[in-house]
């Protein structure tokens, strides 16, 4: 869809002959729109890349474990246990946090 929008803009840009054109502002706006669409297309490509999709699956699995253990809530807000785990730097933070909250 975005590619279909870019091609007509490219054709219009090819018609620009000089900077003294009376439609310079309009041409500049077309060039800016083309640039923005190209950037958006790159962002979509990056978001849809296989590496990113694999990372997203891993992230969602880890997030579900953190929700199950009450480190984050359903809105992905860090809870007290999550804050404690973030402050622990000496060993496996999740295990130590569980021990603290279970009083063992």
Protein backbone atom coordinates (compact mmCIF):
# COMPACT_ATOMS: atom_id res chain seq x y z
CA UNK A 1 0.00 0.00 0.00
CA UNK A 2 2.75 2.45 0.95
CA UNK A 3 4.76 1.44 -2.11
CA UNK A 4 1.81 2.35 -4.31
CA UNK A 5 1.80 5.78 -2.71
CA UNK A 6 5.54 6.25 -3.23
CA UNK A 7 5.62 5.50 -6.97
CA UNK A 8 3.35 8.40 -8.04
CA UNK A 9 5.35 10.71 -5.79
CA UNK A 10 8.58 9.57 -7.44
CA UNK A 11 7.13 10.34 -10.89
CA UNK A 12 6.18 13.82 -9.73
CA UNK A 13 9.66 14.41 -8.26
CA UNK A 14 11.28 13.48 -11.59
CA UNK A 15 9.43 16.41 -13.17
CA UNK A 16 11.12 18.99 -10.91
CA UNK A 17 13.58 20.88 -13.11
CA UNK A 18 15.00 23.65 -10.94
CA UNK A 19 14.82 25.42 -7.60
CA UNK A 20 13.23 28.50 -9.12
CA UNK A 21 10.08 26.61 -9.93
CA UNK A 22 6.89 28.44 -8.83
CA UNK A 23 5.71 25.15 -7.32
CA UNK A 24 8.83 24.68 -5.21
CA UNK A 25 6.88 24.48 -1.95
CA UNK A 26 4.49 21.89 -3.38
CA UNK A 27 7.41 19.85 -4.72
CA UNK A 28 9.20 20.05 -1.42
CA UNK A 29 6.09 18.78 0.35
CA UNK A 30 5.90 15.86 -2.10
CA UNK A 31 9.55 15.02 -1.46
CA UNK A 32 8.97 15.17 2.29
CA UNK A 33 5.94 12.91 1.99
CA UNK A 34 7.95 10.41 -0.08
CA UNK A 35 10.72 10.42 2.53
CA UNK A 36 8.23 9.87 5.37
CA UNK A 37 6.62 6.97 3.51
CA UNK A 38 10.00 5.37 2.85
CA UNK A 39 10.91 5.67 6.54
CA UNK A 40 7.57 4.16 7.53
CA UNK A 41 8.12 1.30 5.08
CA UNK A 42 11.54 0.58 6.60
CA UNK A 43 10.02 0.56 10.09
CA UNK A 44 7.38 -1.92 8.99
CA UNK A 45 10.00 -4.12 7.34
CA UNK A 46 12.08 -4.08 10.52
CA UNK A 47 9.07 -4.86 12.69
CA UNK A 48 8.14 -7.77 10.43
CA UNK A 49 11.66 -9.22 10.15
CA UNK A 50 12.07 -12.82 11.25
CA UNK A 51 14.66 -11.87 13.88
CA UNK A 52 12.30 -9.34 15.44
CA UNK A 53 9.40 -11.81 15.38
CA UNK A 54 11.55 -14.41 17.15
CA UNK A 55 12.51 -11.85 19.79
CA UNK A 56 8.85 -10.93 20.25
CA UNK A 57 7.91 -14.55 20.91
CA UNK A 58 10.70 -14.85 23.49
CA UNK A 59 9.65 -11.56 25.07
CA UNK A 60 6.02 -12.68 25.35
CA UNK A 61 7.06 -15.99 26.96
CA UNK A 62 9.18 -14.19 29.54
CA UNK A 63 6.43 -11.68 30.17
CA UNK A 64 3.92 -14.45 30.84
CA UNK A 65 6.30 -15.95 33.44
CA UNK A 66 6.69 -12.56 35.11
CA UNK A 67 2.90 -12.16 35.19
CA UNK A 68 2.47 -15.65 36.62
CA UNK A 69 4.95 -14.87 39.41
CA UNK A 70 3.32 -11.44 40.03
CA UNK A 71 6.37 -9.39 39.01
CA UNK A 72 4.20 -7.44 36.56
CA UNK A 73 0.44 -7.05 36.32
CA UNK A 74 -1.83 -7.49 33.30
CA UNK A 75 -1.01 -3.92 32.17
CA UNK A 76 2.72 -4.73 32.24
CA UNK A 77 3.20 -2.47 35.27
CA UNK A 78 6.10 -3.55 37.46
CA UNK A 79 4.85 -4.70 40.86
CA UNK A 80 6.71 -4.67 44.22
CA UNK A 81 8.31 -8.07 43.59
CA UNK A 82 9.53 -6.82 40.23
CA UNK A 83 11.06 -3.74 41.78
CA UNK A 84 12.84 -5.86 44.40
CA UNK A 85 14.18 -8.17 41.68
CA UNK A 86 15.51 -5.16 39.75
CA UNK A 87 17.49 -4.01 42.78
CA UNK A 88 19.15 -7.38 43.44
CA UNK A 89 22.50 -7.61 41.68
CA UNK A 90 24.38 -10.32 43.59
CA UNK A 91 22.80 -13.55 42.32
CA UNK A 92 19.82 -14.85 40.40
CA UNK A 93 17.44 -12.02 41.18
CA UNK A 94 14.20 -13.94 40.57
CA UNK A 95 15.17 -16.84 42.84
CA UNK A 96 16.32 -14.55 45.64
CA UNK A 97 13.18 -12.43 45.31
CA UNK A 98 10.99 -15.52 45.57
CA UNK A 99 12.88 -16.58 48.71
CA UNK A 100 12.41 -13.13 50.25
CA UNK A 101 8.69 -13.03 49.54
CA UNK A 102 8.15 -16.63 50.70
CA UNK A 103 10.08 -15.99 53.99
CA UNK A 104 12.40 -18.96 53.54
